[in-house]
Amino acid sequence: MVITLMIGSFVAILNQTLMISALPTLMHEFDVPSSTVQWLATGFMLTNGIMIPITAFLIETFTTRQLFLYAMGIFAE
């Protein structure tokens, strides 16, 4: 369990680091100023922070199988 939590924490930090390093490319590709692209990174981190307690609630409420099938149904559409 501890190893799984450590891997999850590492991936979350890696995700945020990759987003920050992609800012110059996003600015160039979409031709937007840095302030606009920084809002993208801020929104990404806020979404991650909001989803952590929601995920904990869903894990306590539903079975793993139900959550997996629901997530696959949402993302498969």
Protein backbone atom coordinates (compact mmCIF):
# COMPACT_ATOMS: atom_id res chain seq x y z
CA MET A 1 0.00 0.00 0.00
CA VAL A 2 2.80 2.42 0.88
CA ILE A 3 4.59 1.70 -2.40
CA THR A 4 1.39 2.42 -4.34
CA LEU A 5 0.95 5.73 -2.53
CA MET A 6 4.57 6.68 -3.18
CA ILE A 7 4.24 5.90 -6.89
CA GLY A 8 1.01 7.90 -7.07
CA SER A 9 2.65 10.89 -5.37
CA PHE A 10 5.63 10.70 -7.71
CA VAL A 11 3.40 10.61 -10.79
CA ALA A 12 1.37 13.60 -9.53
CA ILE A 13 4.54 15.66 -9.04
CA LEU A 14 5.87 14.50 -12.40
CA ASN A 15 2.59 15.52 -14.06
CA GLN A 16 2.85 19.05 -12.69
CA THR A 17 6.50 19.32 -13.66
CA LEU A 18 5.76 18.23 -17.21
CA MET A 19 2.94 20.77 -17.46
CA ILE A 20 5.23 23.60 -16.35
CA SER A 21 7.94 22.62 -18.83
CA ALA A 22 5.39 22.58 -21.66
CA LEU A 23 4.39 26.23 -21.15
CA PRO A 24 6.77 27.73 -23.76
CA THR A 25 5.60 25.24 -26.38
CA LEU A 26 1.96 25.98 -25.60
CA MET A 27 2.63 29.72 -25.84
CA HIS A 28 4.19 29.28 -29.25
CA GLU A 29 1.65 26.82 -30.68
CA PHE A 30 -1.46 28.72 -29.56
CA ASP A 31 0.09 32.19 -29.95
CA VAL A 32 -0.98 33.37 -26.50
CA PRO A 33 0.86 35.40 -23.83
CA SER A 34 2.53 33.80 -20.84
CA SER A 35 -0.15 35.02 -18.43
CA THR A 36 -2.81 33.07 -20.32
CA VAL A 37 -0.78 29.88 -20.36
CA GLN A 38 0.03 30.22 -16.65
CA TRP A 39 -3.72 30.09 -15.98
CA LEU A 40 -3.71 26.72 -17.71
CA ALA A 41 -1.08 25.40 -15.29
CA THR A 42 -2.92 26.90 -12.31
CA GLY A 43 -6.20 25.31 -13.41
CA PHE A 44 -4.46 21.97 -13.89
CA MET A 45 -3.05 22.02 -10.35
CA LEU A 46 -6.36 23.20 -8.85
CA THR A 47 -8.18 20.38 -10.60
CA ASN A 48 -5.70 17.88 -9.18
CA GLY A 49 -6.18 19.33 -5.69
CA ILE A 50 -9.96 19.17 -5.94
CA MET A 51 -10.01 15.62 -7.28
CA ILE A 52 -8.04 14.15 -4.36
CA PRO A 53 -10.86 14.42 -1.77
CA ILE A 54 -13.48 13.54 -4.39
CA THR A 55 -11.55 10.39 -5.25
CA ALA A 56 -11.32 9.43 -1.56
CA PHE A 57 -15.09 9.82 -1.23
CA LEU A 58 -15.75 7.72 -4.35
CA ILE A 59 -13.41 4.96 -3.18
CA GLU A 60 -15.30 4.72 0.12
CA THR A 61 -18.71 4.85 -1.58
CA PHE A 62 -18.31 2.48 -4.55
CA THR A 63 -16.46 -0.74 -5.23
CA THR A 64 -13.31 -0.72 -7.34
CA ARG A 65 -15.10 -2.57 -10.12
CA GLN A 66 -17.92 -0.01 -10.23
CA LEU A 67 -15.47 2.89 -10.34
CA PHE A 68 -13.42 1.25 -13.08
CA LEU A 69 -16.43 0.52 -15.26
CA TYR A 70 -17.84 4.03 -14.75
CA ALA A 71 -14.49 5.65 -15.61
CA MET A 72 -14.10 3.52 -18.72
CA GLY A 73 -17.64 4.40 -19.75
CA ILE A 74 -16.96 8.13 -19.41
CA PHE A 75 -13.63 8.14 -21.25
CA ALA A 76 -14.67 5.69 -23.96
CA GLU A 77 -17.37 8.00 -25.32
